[in-house]
Amino acid sequence: MTSRATRRLAVPRPVSVNAGPGGAPVAVGGMPVEAMREEWVVEDRWWTDKSVRRRYFELVLVDGRNVVVFRDLAVGRWLTQRA
């Protein structure tokens, strides 16, 4: 039997985001946002030392790509995550 390393799926990665008034992204990785499909907030594990507070955006970029980015509200950084 061959040993395989376990790989976590959908690990968030840092991404460069330019936000407009109100905090919504206007560009991701230098690529302008064509449309915002959805926005939501996740607040979870608030009862632990590792609570999660994130503001998510599902976006369509001008090159046609669909991306999901979120702002970690606890530390203020932007990340992207694949499903």
Protein backbone atom coordinates (compact mmCIF):
# COMPACT_ATOMS: atom_id res chain seq x y z
CA MET A 1 0.00 0.00 0.00
CA THR A 2 1.36 3.42 -0.96
CA SER A 3 1.30 6.27 1.54
CA ARG A 4 -0.30 9.48 0.33
CA ALA A 5 -0.18 12.86 1.96
CA THR A 6 -3.55 14.25 2.90
CA ARG A 7 -4.42 17.48 1.13
CA ARG A 8 -7.00 19.96 2.41
CA LEU A 9 -9.50 21.13 -0.17
CA ALA A 10 -10.65 24.72 -0.59
CA VAL A 11 -7.86 26.28 1.47
CA PRO A 12 -8.22 30.09 1.36
CA ARG A 13 -5.43 31.98 -0.45
CA PRO A 14 -4.57 35.68 -0.13
CA VAL A 15 -5.74 37.83 -3.04
CA SER A 16 -5.38 41.48 -4.00
CA VAL A 17 -8.76 43.26 -3.90
CA ASN A 18 -9.63 46.89 -4.56
CA ALA A 19 -12.83 47.77 -2.74
CA GLY A 20 -15.16 50.64 -3.50
CA PRO A 21 -17.40 52.68 -1.23
CA GLY A 22 -19.25 50.33 1.10
CA GLY A 23 -16.52 47.71 0.90
CA ALA A 24 -17.63 45.76 -2.18
CA PRO A 25 -14.82 44.67 -4.53
CA VAL A 26 -14.33 46.65 -7.75
CA ALA A 27 -11.25 44.69 -8.89
CA VAL A 28 -9.69 41.33 -7.98
CA GLY A 29 -6.05 40.68 -8.84
CA GLY A 30 -6.11 43.81 -11.01
CA MET A 31 -9.09 42.54 -13.04
CA PRO A 32 -12.20 44.77 -12.86
CA VAL A 33 -15.45 43.33 -11.52
CA GLU A 34 -18.23 43.12 -14.14
CA ALA A 35 -21.01 42.06 -11.75
CA MET A 36 -21.65 40.94 -8.19
CA ARG A 37 -23.84 37.84 -8.16
CA GLU A 38 -24.22 37.44 -4.41
CA GLU A 39 -23.01 38.75 -1.06
CA TRP A 40 -23.29 37.15 2.37
CA VAL A 41 -21.78 37.23 5.86
CA VAL A 42 -20.66 34.20 7.86
CA GLU A 43 -20.29 34.40 11.63
CA ASP A 44 -19.46 31.04 13.14
CA ARG A 45 -17.64 29.46 16.07
CA TRP A 46 -18.26 32.63 18.09
CA TRP A 47 -18.27 30.49 21.22
CA THR A 48 -14.63 29.41 20.68
CA ASP A 49 -11.21 31.09 20.63
CA LYS A 50 -11.18 30.71 16.83
CA SER A 51 -14.33 32.52 15.77
CA VAL A 52 -14.99 33.17 12.07
CA ARG A 53 -16.32 36.50 10.74
CA ARG A 54 -16.23 36.77 6.94
CA ARG A 55 -17.98 38.87 4.29
CA TYR A 56 -18.21 36.88 1.05
CA PHE A 57 -18.74 38.08 -2.53
CA GLU A 58 -19.48 35.94 -5.58
CA LEU A 59 -18.25 37.97 -8.55
CA VAL A 60 -18.01 37.91 -12.33
CA LEU A 61 -14.83 39.54 -13.63
CA VAL A 62 -14.63 41.35 -16.99
CA ASP A 63 -12.69 38.40 -18.46
CA GLY A 64 -15.67 36.13 -17.70
CA ARG A 65 -14.25 34.29 -14.69
CA ASN A 66 -16.47 33.65 -11.69
CA VAL A 67 -14.67 34.08 -8.38
CA VAL A 68 -15.55 33.99 -4.70
CA VAL A 69 -13.58 36.30 -2.42
CA PHE A 70 -14.05 37.15 1.21
CA ARG A 71 -12.81 39.70 3.67
CA ASP A 72 -11.76 38.26 7.02
CA LEU A 73 -13.49 40.81 9.25
CA ALA A 74 -11.33 39.93 12.27
CA VAL A 75 -8.03 40.84 10.61
CA GLY A 76 -9.14 42.84 7.56
CA ARG A 77 -7.45 40.80 4.83
CA TRP A 78 -8.88 39.52 1.55
CA LEU A 79 -8.80 35.87 0.50
CA THR A 80 -10.19 33.69 -2.27
CA GLN A 81 -11.44 30.15 -1.95
CA ARG A 82 -12.36 27.53 -4.52
CA ALA A 83 -15.25 25.20 -3.97
